[in-house]
Each structure stands twice: as C-alpha cells, then as structure tokens.
Protein backbone atom coordinates (compact mmCIF):
# COMPACT_ATOMS: atom_id res chain seq x y z
CA UNK A 1 103.13 72.04 132.11
CA UNK A 2 106.62 73.39 131.49
CA UNK A 3 107.23 77.03 130.66
CA UNK A 4 110.25 78.09 128.65
CA UNK A 5 111.51 81.65 128.48
CA UNK A 6 111.16 82.99 124.98
CA UNK A 7 112.24 86.06 123.15
CA UNK A 8 110.78 88.62 120.91
CA UNK A 9 112.47 90.29 118.03
CA UNK A 10 111.29 93.67 116.80
CA UNK A 11 112.61 94.57 113.38
CA UNK A 12 113.43 98.05 112.20
CA UNK A 13 110.86 100.02 110.21
CA UNK A 14 111.76 101.37 106.78
CA UNK A 15 111.83 105.13 106.17
CA UNK A 16 113.05 107.40 103.38
CA UNK A 17 114.90 110.67 103.91
CA UNK A 18 114.77 112.94 100.86
CA UNK A 19 116.77 116.13 100.47
CA UNK A 20 114.59 119.08 99.51
CA UNK A 21 114.72 120.18 95.88
CA UNK A 22 113.94 123.34 93.93
CA UNK A 23 113.90 124.36 90.28
CA UNK A 24 114.37 128.02 89.42
CA UNK A 25 115.06 130.15 86.36
CA UNK A 26 118.44 131.88 86.19
CA UNK A 27 118.17 135.43 87.54
CA UNK A 28 121.77 136.33 88.26
CA UNK A 29 121.03 136.11 91.99
CA UNK A 30 122.03 133.35 94.38
CA UNK A 31 119.31 130.73 94.89
CA UNK A 32 119.35 128.08 97.61
CA UNK A 33 117.66 124.96 98.93
CA UNK A 34 118.21 123.20 102.26
CA UNK A 35 116.63 120.65 104.56
CA UNK A 36 114.95 117.28 104.07
CA UNK A 37 111.64 115.47 104.43
CA UNK A 38 111.00 112.01 105.86
CA UNK A 39 108.38 109.43 104.89
CA UNK A 40 107.67 106.09 106.51
CA UNK A 41 107.98 107.00 110.18
CA UNK A 42 105.64 104.97 112.37
CA UNK A 43 103.44 105.49 115.40
CA UNK A 44 103.18 109.26 114.94
CA UNK A 45 106.94 109.82 115.19
CA UNK A 46 108.45 112.89 113.55
CA UNK A 47 111.84 113.61 112.00
CA UNK A 48 113.14 114.66 115.43
CA UNK A 49 113.68 110.96 116.29
CA UNK A 50 116.29 110.76 113.52
CA UNK A 51 119.23 112.33 115.33
CA UNK A 52 122.42 112.99 113.42
CA UNK A 53 120.77 113.41 110.01
CA UNK A 54 121.37 116.50 107.94
CA UNK A 55 121.14 117.80 104.42
CA UNK A 56 124.08 119.79 103.12
CA UNK A 57 122.01 122.60 101.67
CA UNK A 58 123.23 124.23 98.52
CA UNK A 59 123.43 127.65 96.91
CA UNK A 60 123.90 128.28 93.20
CA UNK A 61 123.88 131.31 90.94
CA UNK A 62 124.78 130.01 87.50
CA UNK A 63 122.70 127.61 85.43
CA UNK A 64 123.29 124.01 86.48
CA UNK A 65 122.39 121.34 89.00
CA UNK A 66 123.61 121.46 92.60
CA UNK A 67 123.22 118.51 95.02
CA UNK A 68 121.54 118.77 98.42
CA UNK A 69 123.17 115.70 99.97
CA UNK A 70 121.59 113.78 102.87
CA UNK A 71 124.05 112.32 105.41
CA UNK A 72 124.03 110.84 108.90
CA UNK A 73 123.04 107.71 110.75
CA UNK A 74 119.52 108.57 111.88
CA UNK A 75 118.07 106.03 114.30
CA UNK A 76 118.54 102.48 115.50
CA UNK A 77 114.81 101.91 114.95
CA UNK A 78 114.76 102.60 111.18
CA UNK A 79 116.37 101.26 108.03
CA UNK A 80 116.91 104.52 106.18
CA UNK A 81 117.02 105.09 102.46
CA UNK A 82 118.68 108.41 101.66
CA UNK A 83 117.76 110.30 98.48
CA UNK A 84 119.67 113.46 97.63
CA UNK A 85 117.75 116.55 96.56
CA UNK A 86 118.88 119.14 94.04
CA UNK A 87 118.76 122.79 93.15
CA UNK A 88 118.32 123.14 89.40
CA UNK A 89 118.97 126.60 87.92
CA UNK A 90 117.56 126.80 84.40
CA UNK A 91 118.69 129.18 81.68
CA UNK A 92 116.08 131.89 81.32
CA UNK A 93 114.62 133.17 78.06
CA UNK A 94 115.99 136.57 76.98
C-alpha cells in the first residue's frame, strides 16, 4: 500500500450584505438611516466576522431618494454580494 499526501480545498461561502432602508413622509425634519444586515453567514457566525464593512448612512430632509452605500472587503471566508439601501422621503399630503 502506498499513501500519497493529498489536499483539501474549502471554498468560500456566499453571503449578502444589505444596507438598511427606510421610507418616510416628508415632515420638514431631517430623517436618517444607517447600518446594514447580513444573510448567508454559516456556522452561527455573526456580522462581526466581516471586518472592514460599513454602510455610509444617510440623512435627508427634502423629498427624494438617498443611498445608504455598503463598502468594504469583509472576510476571506465569504463571497459577498453588496446591496445598497436607501432612505426614501415621500411628499406628504397637505
């Protein structure tokens, strides 16, 4: 019997990082949204394993859409899909 050293390859898991979103009615006051959520982490891991990730956070007063952009590298153990969130300020009824 001859034994040959082998190898093992462990691929990255897939995860999605989504910027938080909010939809509000125009009030004349500044509204904001910040942060992100993560889906697809394995083995009970939490977002803390994704170092270097952040969401820009955004504040808006006037009606419109403001992006909450997700940036950063994350982790060598995950293939990350980044999805930006948004703050949407709607025109209120008068």
